Protein backbone atom coordinates (compact mmCIF):
# COMPACT_ATOMS: atom_id res chain seq x y z
CA MET A 1 86.66 -198.75 267.21
CA GLN A 2 84.71 -200.31 270.08
CA THR A 3 81.11 -199.22 269.59
CA ASN A 4 78.30 -200.58 271.73
CA ASN A 5 79.77 -203.07 274.20
CA ASN A 6 79.51 -201.11 277.42
CA CYS A 7 77.61 -200.46 280.63
CA ILE A 8 75.52 -197.30 280.69
CA VAL A 9 75.25 -195.84 284.20
CA ILE A 10 72.44 -193.30 284.56
CA PHE A 11 72.70 -191.04 287.61
CA GLY A 12 69.27 -189.64 288.46
CA ALA A 13 67.59 -192.80 287.18
CA SER A 14 64.37 -192.15 289.08
CA GLY A 15 63.95 -188.75 287.42
CA ASP A 16 61.84 -187.45 284.57
CA LEU A 17 64.53 -187.36 281.87
CA THR A 18 65.38 -191.03 282.36
CA HIS A 19 61.91 -192.46 281.74
CA ARG A 20 60.86 -189.83 279.16
CA LYS A 21 63.98 -189.71 276.97
CA LEU A 22 66.92 -191.92 277.93
CA ILE A 23 65.29 -195.32 278.41
CA PRO A 24 63.06 -194.92 275.31
CA ALA A 25 66.13 -193.93 273.27
CA LEU A 26 68.08 -196.97 274.47
CA TYR A 27 65.06 -199.21 273.87
CA ASN A 28 64.77 -198.08 270.25
CA LEU A 29 68.49 -198.53 269.66
CA PHE A 30 68.11 -202.06 271.01
CA LYS A 31 64.95 -202.73 268.96
CA PHE A 32 66.69 -201.74 265.74
CA GLY A 33 69.76 -203.86 266.44
CA ARG A 34 72.15 -201.04 267.33
CA LEU A 35 72.93 -202.32 270.84
CA ASN A 36 74.60 -205.67 271.32
CA LYS A 37 76.45 -206.50 274.52
CA PHE A 38 75.33 -203.87 277.00
CA SER A 39 73.72 -203.23 280.37
CA VAL A 40 72.03 -200.21 281.93
CA LEU A 41 72.60 -199.49 285.61
CA GLY A 42 70.21 -196.93 287.10
CA VAL A 43 71.58 -195.01 290.08
CA ALA A 44 69.64 -192.72 292.43
CA ARG A 45 68.81 -192.18 296.08
CA SER A 46 65.41 -193.92 295.80
CA GLU A 47 65.29 -197.35 297.42
CA LEU A 48 64.47 -199.43 294.34
CA ASN A 49 65.86 -202.78 293.23
CA ASP A 50 66.36 -204.39 289.82
CA ASP A 51 62.79 -205.67 289.61
CA THR A 52 61.04 -202.46 290.69
CA PHE A 53 63.24 -200.36 288.38
CA ARG A 54 62.48 -202.67 285.45
CA GLU A 55 58.77 -202.45 286.11
CA LYS A 56 58.83 -198.64 286.24
CA MET A 57 60.75 -198.46 282.96
CA ARG A 58 58.49 -201.08 281.39
CA GLU A 59 55.43 -198.96 282.23
CA ALA A 60 57.10 -195.86 280.76
CA LEU A 61 57.92 -197.69 277.52
CA LEU A 62 54.42 -199.10 277.17
CA GLU A 63 53.04 -195.55 277.39
CA THR A 64 55.29 -193.98 274.76
CA GLU A 65 56.81 -196.60 272.44
CA GLU A 66 55.66 -199.23 269.99
CA THR A 67 56.68 -202.46 271.67
CA THR A 68 56.34 -206.21 271.41
CA PRO A 69 56.35 -208.40 274.53
CA GLU A 70 59.43 -210.31 273.37
CA THR A 71 61.52 -207.22 272.59
CA LEU A 72 60.38 -205.42 275.73
CA ASP A 73 61.24 -208.41 277.95
CA ALA A 74 64.61 -208.81 276.26
CA PHE A 75 65.48 -205.12 276.71
CA CYS A 76 64.32 -204.94 280.34
CA SER A 77 66.50 -207.93 281.21
CA HIS A 78 69.48 -205.59 280.59
CA LEU A 79 68.25 -203.06 283.20
CA TYR A 80 69.64 -202.97 286.74
CA TYR A 81 69.47 -200.59 289.68
CA GLN A 82 71.69 -199.52 292.55
CA ALA A 83 70.57 -197.14 295.32
CA VAL A 84 73.38 -194.66 296.10
CA ASN A 85 73.54 -191.42 298.05
CA THR A 86 74.96 -189.37 295.18
CA SER A 87 76.39 -186.74 297.54
CA ASP A 88 78.35 -189.28 299.64
CA ALA A 89 81.65 -190.39 298.11
CA ALA A 90 81.87 -193.48 300.36
CA ASP A 91 78.50 -194.73 299.11
CA TYR A 92 79.87 -194.91 295.55
CA GLY A 93 81.81 -197.96 296.72
CA LYS A 94 78.62 -199.94 296.06
CA LEU A 95 79.11 -199.33 292.34
CA VAL A 96 82.45 -201.15 292.17
CA PRO A 97 81.18 -204.74 292.64
CA ARG A 98 77.98 -204.04 290.64
CA LEU A 99 79.94 -202.79 287.66
CA GLU A 100 82.46 -205.63 287.87
CA GLU A 101 79.56 -208.08 287.85
CA LEU A 102 77.89 -206.44 284.85
CA HIS A 103 81.11 -206.08 282.85
CA THR A 104 81.79 -209.77 283.35
CA LYS A 105 78.25 -210.88 282.55
CA TYR A 106 77.98 -208.84 279.34
CA GLN A 107 81.66 -208.99 278.31
CA THR A 108 81.86 -205.23 278.05
CA ASN A 109 85.61 -205.02 278.78
CA GLY A 110 85.22 -202.32 281.44
CA ASN A 111 83.76 -199.77 278.99
CA THR A 112 81.46 -197.45 280.94
CA LEU A 113 79.30 -194.50 279.90
CA TYR A 114 78.16 -192.32 282.81
CA TYR A 115 75.12 -190.11 282.20
CA MET A 116 74.47 -187.29 284.68
CA SER A 117 70.69 -186.89 284.53
CA THR A 118 70.80 -184.95 287.80
CA PRO A 119 70.48 -181.39 289.10
CA PRO A 120 73.45 -179.23 288.00
CA SER A 121 74.62 -179.04 291.62
CA LEU A 122 75.89 -182.62 291.24
CA TYR A 123 77.82 -182.09 288.00
CA GLY A 124 81.04 -181.45 289.88
CA VAL A 125 80.28 -183.88 292.74
CA ILE A 126 79.69 -187.08 290.76
CA PRO A 127 83.03 -187.05 288.85
CA GLU A 128 84.92 -186.56 292.12
CA CYS A 129 83.03 -189.39 293.83
CA LEU A 130 83.63 -191.73 290.89
CA ALA A 131 87.32 -190.90 290.94
CA ALA A 132 87.50 -191.69 294.67
CA HIS A 133 86.93 -195.34 293.72
CA GLY A 134 88.96 -195.37 290.50
CA LEU A 135 85.81 -195.49 288.36
CA ASN A 136 87.19 -192.78 286.07
CA GLU A 137 90.36 -194.69 285.13
CA GLU A 138 90.73 -196.11 281.63
CA LYS A 139 93.18 -198.91 282.39
CA ASP A 140 90.39 -201.46 281.94
CA GLY A 141 88.30 -199.96 279.14
CA TRP A 142 87.12 -196.48 278.27
CA LYS A 143 85.22 -194.25 280.68
CA ARG A 144 83.07 -191.40 279.34
CA ILE A 145 80.77 -188.97 281.11
CA ILE A 146 77.79 -187.14 279.58
CA VAL A 147 76.94 -183.77 281.12
CA GLU A 148 73.47 -182.29 280.58
CA LYS A 149 72.91 -178.56 280.27
CA PRO A 150 73.21 -176.09 281.84
CA PHE A 151 77.00 -176.24 281.89
CA GLY A 152 77.43 -173.45 284.40
CA TYR A 153 75.22 -170.51 285.27
CA ASP A 154 77.42 -167.77 283.81
CA GLU A 155 80.97 -167.31 282.52
CA LYS A 156 82.56 -167.62 285.98
CA THR A 157 80.65 -170.72 287.14
CA ALA A 158 81.17 -172.44 283.77
CA GLN A 159 84.90 -172.01 284.13
CA GLU A 160 84.81 -173.28 287.72
CA LEU A 161 82.77 -176.35 286.73
CA ASP A 162 85.13 -177.05 283.85
CA VAL A 163 88.13 -177.00 286.19
CA GLN A 164 86.28 -179.21 288.67
CA ILE A 165 85.38 -181.93 286.14
CA HIS A 166 88.80 -181.81 284.46
CA ARG A 167 90.43 -182.72 287.77
CA PHE A 168 88.98 -186.22 287.33
CA PHE A 169 88.14 -186.66 283.64
CA GLU A 170 90.16 -185.70 280.57
CA GLU A 171 88.54 -183.62 277.81
CA HIS A 172 88.29 -186.66 275.51
CA GLN A 173 86.15 -188.35 278.19
CA ILE A 174 83.69 -185.46 278.61
CA TYR A 175 80.57 -185.26 276.41
CA ARG A 176 78.53 -182.06 276.92
CA ILE A 177 75.20 -182.97 275.40
CA ASP A 178 72.93 -180.59 273.50
CA HIS A 179 69.96 -182.48 272.10
CA TYR A 180 69.43 -179.82 269.42
CA LEU A 181 72.63 -180.97 267.72
CA GLY A 182 71.25 -184.51 267.55
CA LYS A 183 68.34 -183.42 265.38
CA GLU A 184 68.59 -184.72 261.82
CA THR A 185 67.89 -181.35 260.19
CA VAL A 186 70.68 -179.61 262.10
CA GLN A 187 73.18 -182.20 260.90
CA ASN A 188 71.74 -182.09 257.40
CA LEU A 189 72.46 -178.36 257.32
CA LEU A 190 76.15 -179.19 256.90
CA VAL A 191 75.49 -181.69 254.10
CA LEU A 192 73.15 -179.21 252.40
CA ARG A 193 75.85 -176.53 252.46
CA PHE A 194 79.02 -178.42 251.76
CA SER A 195 77.93 -181.17 249.35
CA ASN A 196 75.91 -179.01 246.95
CA GLY A 197 77.40 -176.61 244.42
CA TRP A 198 74.21 -174.53 244.53
CA PHE A 199 74.52 -173.23 248.06
CA GLU A 200 78.08 -172.87 249.28
CA PRO A 201 79.13 -170.27 246.62
CA LEU A 202 76.21 -168.09 247.79
CA TRP A 203 76.72 -168.70 251.53
CA ASN A 204 78.42 -165.39 252.34
CA ARG A 205 78.07 -161.62 252.74
CA ASN A 206 77.98 -161.04 248.97
CA PHE A 207 74.66 -162.82 248.50
CA ILE A 208 73.01 -163.12 251.93
CA ASP A 209 71.15 -160.13 253.32
CA TYR A 210 70.49 -161.46 256.81
CA VAL A 211 69.96 -164.66 258.78
CA GLU A 212 67.02 -165.30 261.09
CA ILE A 213 66.97 -168.04 263.77
CA THR A 214 63.83 -168.73 265.78
CA GLY A 215 63.31 -171.13 268.66
CA ALA A 216 59.66 -170.72 269.69
CA GLU A 217 57.58 -172.65 272.20
CA SER A 218 53.80 -172.41 272.51
CA ILE A 219 53.74 -173.71 276.08
CA GLY A 220 54.58 -171.78 279.23
CA VAL A 221 56.87 -172.99 281.99
CA GLU A 222 54.33 -175.70 282.97
CA GLU A 223 55.37 -177.20 286.34
CA ARG A 224 58.99 -176.04 286.00
CA GLY A 225 58.49 -172.50 287.27
CA GLY A 226 60.94 -172.87 290.13
CA TYR A 227 63.70 -174.18 287.87
CA TYR A 228 62.97 -171.84 284.98
CA ASP A 229 63.01 -168.72 287.12
CA GLY A 230 66.66 -169.36 287.87
CA SER A 231 67.40 -169.86 284.21
CA GLY A 232 65.32 -167.76 281.82
CA ALA A 233 65.30 -167.81 278.03
CA MET A 234 68.91 -166.66 277.80
CA ARG A 235 70.34 -169.60 279.73
CA ASP A 236 67.66 -172.15 278.83
CA MET A 237 67.77 -171.73 275.04
CA PHE A 238 70.06 -169.04 273.67
CA GLN A 239 73.44 -169.67 275.28
CA ASN A 240 73.47 -173.33 274.30
CA HIS A 241 70.92 -174.49 271.68
CA LEU A 242 70.61 -171.43 269.48
CA LEU A 243 74.24 -170.34 269.58
CA GLN A 244 75.22 -173.87 268.55
CA VAL A 245 72.75 -173.73 265.66
CA LEU A 246 74.10 -170.30 264.67
CA ALA A 247 77.64 -171.70 264.67
CA MET A 248 76.64 -174.53 262.34
CA VAL A 249 74.99 -172.05 259.96
CA ALA A 250 78.09 -169.86 259.92
CA MET A 251 81.03 -172.29 260.20
CA GLU A 252 83.65 -172.87 257.51
CA PRO A 253 83.95 -176.26 255.77
CA PRO A 254 85.93 -178.61 258.04
CA ALA A 255 89.15 -179.97 256.58
CA ILE A 256 88.06 -183.52 257.39
CA ILE A 257 84.91 -185.01 258.89
CA ASN A 258 85.91 -185.86 262.43
CA ALA A 259 85.15 -184.51 265.87
CA ASN A 260 88.16 -182.25 266.28
CA SER A 261 87.98 -180.67 262.83
CA MET A 262 84.23 -180.04 263.05
CA ARG A 263 84.45 -178.61 266.55
CA ASP A 264 87.42 -176.44 265.56
CA GLU A 265 85.17 -174.64 263.08
CA VAL A 266 82.34 -174.26 265.61
CA ALA A 267 84.77 -172.73 268.12
CA LYS A 268 86.08 -170.31 265.48
CA VAL A 269 82.56 -168.96 264.95
CA MET A 270 82.03 -168.53 268.69
CA HIS A 271 85.28 -166.60 268.95
CA SER A 272 84.33 -164.47 265.91
CA LEU A 273 81.05 -163.21 267.38
CA ARG A 274 81.36 -159.44 267.73
CA PRO A 275 81.50 -158.70 271.47
CA LEU A 276 78.35 -157.06 272.78
CA THR A 277 78.83 -153.46 273.88
CA GLN A 278 76.67 -151.43 276.24
CA ASP A 279 75.04 -149.88 273.17
CA ASP A 280 74.24 -153.36 271.83
CA VAL A 281 72.49 -154.54 274.98
CA GLU A 282 70.50 -151.31 275.13
CA HIS A 283 69.50 -151.11 271.45
CA ASN A 284 70.03 -154.53 269.80
CA LEU A 285 68.54 -156.70 272.57
CA VAL A 286 64.95 -157.19 273.68
CA LEU A 287 63.98 -159.16 276.78
CA GLY A 288 60.35 -160.01 277.49
CA GLN A 289 58.01 -161.77 279.90
CA TYR A 290 54.59 -163.15 278.97
CA THR A 291 51.42 -161.91 280.60
CA ALA A 292 47.97 -163.49 280.94
CA ALA A 293 45.77 -163.69 277.84
CA GLU A 294 42.97 -165.64 276.26
CA ILE A 295 44.11 -168.22 273.68
CA ASP A 296 41.54 -170.20 271.69
CA GLY A 297 38.87 -169.29 274.20
CA LYS A 298 40.93 -170.43 277.18
CA GLU A 299 42.40 -168.14 279.82
CA VAL A 300 46.18 -168.59 280.06
CA LYS A 301 48.23 -167.55 283.09
CA GLY A 302 50.91 -164.92 282.92
CA TYR A 303 54.45 -165.87 283.92
CA LEU A 304 54.14 -164.22 287.33
CA GLN A 305 51.08 -166.38 288.10
CA GLU A 306 52.87 -169.65 287.28
CA LYS A 307 53.56 -172.09 290.10
CA GLY A 308 56.97 -171.58 291.69
CA VAL A 309 57.56 -168.12 290.17
CA PRO A 310 58.12 -165.21 292.61
CA ALA A 311 55.56 -162.41 292.27
CA ASN A 312 58.30 -159.86 291.54
CA SER A 313 60.36 -161.98 289.14
CA ARG A 314 62.21 -160.23 286.29
CA THR A 315 63.20 -163.47 284.58
CA GLU A 316 62.86 -163.21 280.81
CA THR A 317 60.70 -165.73 278.95
CA PHE A 318 61.59 -164.11 275.60
CA MET A 319 64.71 -162.67 274.07
CA ALA A 320 65.61 -161.27 270.66
CA LEU A 321 69.11 -160.20 269.65
CA ARG A 322 70.80 -158.69 266.62
CA CYS A 323 74.40 -159.86 266.46
CA GLU A 324 77.22 -160.07 263.91
CA ILE A 325 80.15 -162.33 263.10
CA GLU A 326 83.43 -160.57 262.42
CA ASN A 327 85.12 -162.64 259.75
CA TRP A 328 85.64 -162.58 255.99
CA ARG A 329 82.53 -164.62 255.13
CA TRP A 330 79.99 -162.81 257.31
CA ALA A 331 81.22 -159.23 257.83
CA GLY A 332 78.22 -156.90 257.84
CA VAL A 333 75.54 -159.62 257.76
CA PRO A 334 73.19 -159.33 260.75
CA PHE A 335 72.00 -162.46 262.54
CA TYR A 336 68.63 -162.03 264.24
CA VAL A 337 67.99 -164.65 266.93
CA ARG A 338 64.85 -164.96 269.04
CA THR A 339 63.38 -167.46 271.43
CA GLY A 340 60.45 -167.44 273.79
CA LYS A 341 57.68 -169.23 275.60
CA ARG A 342 53.93 -168.77 275.06
CA LEU A 343 54.46 -167.80 271.41
CA PRO A 344 51.88 -168.72 268.74
CA ALA A 345 53.61 -171.92 267.60
CA ARG A 346 56.17 -174.52 268.62
CA VAL A 347 58.80 -174.18 265.94
CA THR A 348 62.57 -173.98 265.53
CA GLU A 349 63.86 -172.84 262.17
CA ILE A 350 66.64 -171.06 260.31
CA VAL A 351 65.81 -168.62 257.51
CA ILE A 352 68.53 -167.53 255.09
CA HIS A 353 67.36 -164.30 253.42
CA PHE A 354 69.19 -163.68 250.14
CA LYS A 355 69.77 -160.25 248.66
CA THR A 356 67.37 -158.97 246.03
CA THR A 357 68.23 -158.95 242.35
CA PRO A 358 69.89 -155.70 241.16
CA HIS A 359 67.87 -155.63 237.95
CA PRO A 360 65.76 -152.41 238.11
CA VAL A 361 62.72 -153.92 236.36
CA PHE A 362 62.52 -157.43 237.80
CA SER A 363 63.44 -156.36 241.33
CA GLN A 364 60.35 -154.16 241.75
CA ASN A 365 57.82 -156.92 242.38
CA ALA A 366 60.11 -159.89 242.91
CA PRO A 367 59.42 -162.03 245.99
CA GLU A 368 62.22 -162.41 248.47
CA ASN A 369 64.51 -165.39 247.91
CA LYS A 370 64.91 -167.40 251.08
CA LEU A 371 65.92 -170.83 252.27
CA ILE A 372 63.93 -172.13 255.25
CA ILE A 373 65.43 -174.94 257.31
CA ARG A 374 62.86 -176.32 259.74
CA ILE A 375 64.48 -178.11 262.68
CA GLN A 376 61.28 -178.96 264.54
CA PRO A 377 58.54 -180.02 264.29
CA ASP A 378 57.85 -181.56 260.87
CA GLU A 379 61.53 -181.32 259.87
CA ALA A 380 61.87 -179.88 256.37
CA ILE A 381 63.77 -177.65 253.96
CA SER A 382 61.98 -175.16 251.71
CA MET A 383 63.32 -172.89 248.96
CA ARG A 384 61.25 -169.78 248.15
CA PHE A 385 61.75 -167.87 244.90
CA GLY A 386 59.81 -165.95 242.25
CA LEU A 387 58.17 -167.13 239.02
CA LYS A 388 55.95 -165.33 236.56
CA LYS A 389 52.27 -165.04 237.36
CA PRO A 390 50.07 -166.53 234.63
CA GLY A 391 48.79 -163.90 232.24
CA ALA A 392 50.20 -160.82 230.56
CA GLY A 393 53.22 -158.96 231.85
CA PHE A 394 56.12 -160.07 234.02
CA GLU A 395 54.69 -159.84 237.51
CA ALA A 396 56.31 -162.40 239.79
CA LYS A 397 54.75 -164.55 242.49
CA GLU A 398 56.39 -166.61 245.22
CA VAL A 399 56.63 -170.36 244.72
CA SER A 400 58.39 -173.02 246.78
CA MET A 401 60.30 -176.27 246.47
CA ASP A 402 59.92 -178.36 249.60
CA PHE A 403 61.52 -181.42 251.13
CA ARG A 404 60.15 -183.08 254.28
CA TYR A 405 61.77 -185.84 256.29
CA ALA A 406 58.35 -187.41 256.78
CA ASP A 407 58.42 -188.26 253.05
CA LEU A 408 61.31 -190.67 253.70
CA ALA A 409 58.92 -193.41 254.76
CA ASP A 410 61.49 -196.20 254.33
CA GLU A 411 64.25 -194.48 256.28
CA GLN A 412 64.79 -194.89 260.01
CA VAL A 413 65.54 -191.42 261.36
CA LEU A 414 67.07 -191.51 264.83
CA THR A 415 65.73 -189.14 267.46
CA ALA A 416 68.17 -186.66 268.98
CA TYR A 417 68.82 -188.71 272.12
CA GLU A 418 69.14 -191.95 270.14
CA ARG A 419 71.75 -190.38 267.87
CA LEU A 420 73.73 -188.73 270.65
CA LEU A 421 73.74 -191.76 272.94
CA LEU A 422 74.90 -193.93 270.06
CA ASP A 423 77.65 -191.45 269.18
CA ALA A 424 78.83 -191.31 272.80
CA MET A 425 79.05 -195.11 272.90
CA LYS A 426 81.06 -195.03 269.66
CA GLY A 427 83.36 -192.33 271.00
CA ASP A 428 82.27 -189.82 268.33
CA ALA A 429 82.21 -186.39 269.96
CA THR A 430 81.38 -184.45 266.77
CA LEU A 431 77.93 -183.34 267.96
CA PHE A 432 78.97 -182.60 271.55
CA ALA A 433 80.14 -179.18 272.74
CA ARG A 434 83.86 -178.75 273.41
CA THR A 435 85.18 -176.75 276.32
CA ASP A 436 86.57 -173.83 274.28
CA ALA A 437 83.25 -173.30 272.46
CA VAL A 438 81.32 -173.43 275.76
CA HIS A 439 83.57 -170.78 277.29
CA ALA A 440 83.33 -168.56 274.19
CA ALA A 441 79.52 -168.80 274.27
CA TRP A 442 79.37 -167.80 277.93
CA LYS A 443 81.80 -164.94 277.33
CA PHE A 444 79.55 -163.66 274.53
CA VAL A 445 76.33 -163.72 276.59
CA GLN A 446 77.83 -162.40 279.83
CA PRO A 447 77.11 -158.73 278.94
CA ILE A 448 73.43 -159.66 278.51
CA LEU A 449 73.36 -161.30 281.93
CA ASP A 450 75.08 -158.26 283.43
CA TYR A 451 72.59 -155.93 281.75
CA LYS A 452 69.63 -157.86 283.18
CA ASP A 453 71.20 -158.05 286.66
CA ALA A 454 71.76 -154.28 286.56
CA GLY A 455 68.03 -153.69 286.06
CA GLY A 456 67.82 -153.73 282.26
CA ARG A 457 64.30 -153.47 280.92
CA VAL A 458 62.12 -156.59 280.58
CA HIS A 459 59.15 -155.87 278.28
CA GLU A 460 55.73 -157.45 278.69
CA TYR A 461 54.00 -159.37 275.89
CA GLU A 462 50.66 -161.13 275.81
CA ALA A 463 50.76 -164.93 275.78
CA GLY A 464 49.99 -166.18 272.28
CA THR A 465 51.75 -163.31 270.48
CA TRP A 466 55.18 -163.17 268.84
CA GLY A 467 56.78 -161.32 271.74
CA PRO A 468 57.09 -157.66 272.72
CA VAL A 469 56.44 -154.86 270.24
CA ALA A 470 60.06 -153.84 270.86
CA ALA A 471 61.20 -157.05 269.11
CA GLU A 472 59.32 -156.01 265.96
CA LYS A 473 60.93 -152.57 266.14
CA LEU A 474 64.37 -154.16 266.60
CA ILE A 475 64.30 -155.79 263.17
CA ALA A 476 62.20 -153.05 261.55
CA LYS A 477 64.99 -150.52 262.12
CA SER A 478 66.72 -151.98 259.07
CA GLY A 479 63.56 -152.38 257.02
CA ARG A 480 63.20 -156.09 257.77
CA VAL A 481 60.47 -158.18 259.40
CA TRP A 482 60.41 -161.41 261.41
CA ARG A 483 58.94 -164.42 259.68
CA LYS A 484 55.87 -165.68 261.51
CA PRO A 485 55.89 -169.43 260.94
CA SER A 486 53.20 -171.94 261.76
CA GLY A 487 53.96 -175.11 263.67
CA LYS A 488 53.54 -177.28 260.56
CA MET A 489 55.71 -177.24 257.44
CA LYS A 490 52.98 -177.27 254.82
CA LYS A 491 53.34 -176.38 251.18
CA LYS A 492 52.85 -172.76 252.20
CA VAL A 493 53.76 -171.70 255.74
């Protein structure tokens, strides 16, 4: 399979994502010998040239990456720039001679990876404009296009966007990126489950009491208030990142390890989510919005005081949901999912809560058995179980067995964007969302969006807390409690 010999075209090359994530990821792939014959062509409206673009990217890399002058110079020599009005199909004609020149110079055989690091309004425009000049055709090498989230705004717009892109690119050419799936711990979840005889026999309704998934951020909306207000926690985190993580927790073992087989199982989970009823959105859902508070002696703005946020906004910055999967493995097991901004810690984790022992004596004081899978930060896996307290009697205390990726000092762990860019260049779509799973996810969340649009309640919560009181009551109805993790995976968190 052709792997790295290609030209990477980044639309929106003058934007934040390019210099913060994409160029550093490509630089590190180059530094560690994972890129060979390649070029990067930045495309945007800004009137830059090759030299000014290289200098801007050089400055960005010097700020964030460990570099050497030789490696930095060598990498930047592969960077090029072309000013294009990305809304004008005729202007895309400028790309034809530039790409021909670069393919010839770097012997990349016409292989081209397009990355849409642009506002979502251009997601349907760019494929059409590329096709107007034959830049989508695979007669002279493969052509692939990476689409950033959000893929649509709701079920209807996602379907419309899908139709629009498929007019010009086939499904095998489309890579819908979700950087959460590029995180090492998310991928390791599958290896943990399917390659160990300890876990998979217990990974079902007979032994698991409930599953908890948290995606918490300690920051507010920062300078993104205008964008975030049109998105909210539901679209920004739940519909894509957290539902994908849930699917990987719940999926069946794939028949073989390849993109289609893996994504078949993810899609099955999405289709097995129990549809949300009116009763669900009224009693198993909590939406919230943070208010001003003092954190560590510093006054923190409420959401409505953030720049770019309308004074009467009802956009949720927090959501918590109890949902279920209707299949043989998971019937009756609740999944509690929450995400929010201005929470006490930045942390994303999965907690598998196992059922208590049925023994009437040992179950009285036994700690809960749980498996904690920390996705970020300080990626780790921790098993919690009970052992006897020193001294007389059989009173149990909780102990843990921990593994942290930071302990693998000799291993090079790729960042999410490094891994996903490399996979896209290899043509491995395993960690990219497929169209049927995207549609199923939007179909599942549509009742929540409808509930909010119809005036459903949005609770207030103080910045720096774990969300509205209603979220605690949601899980407490079944005698359970949310875990309150810290931002660091220590021996005891």
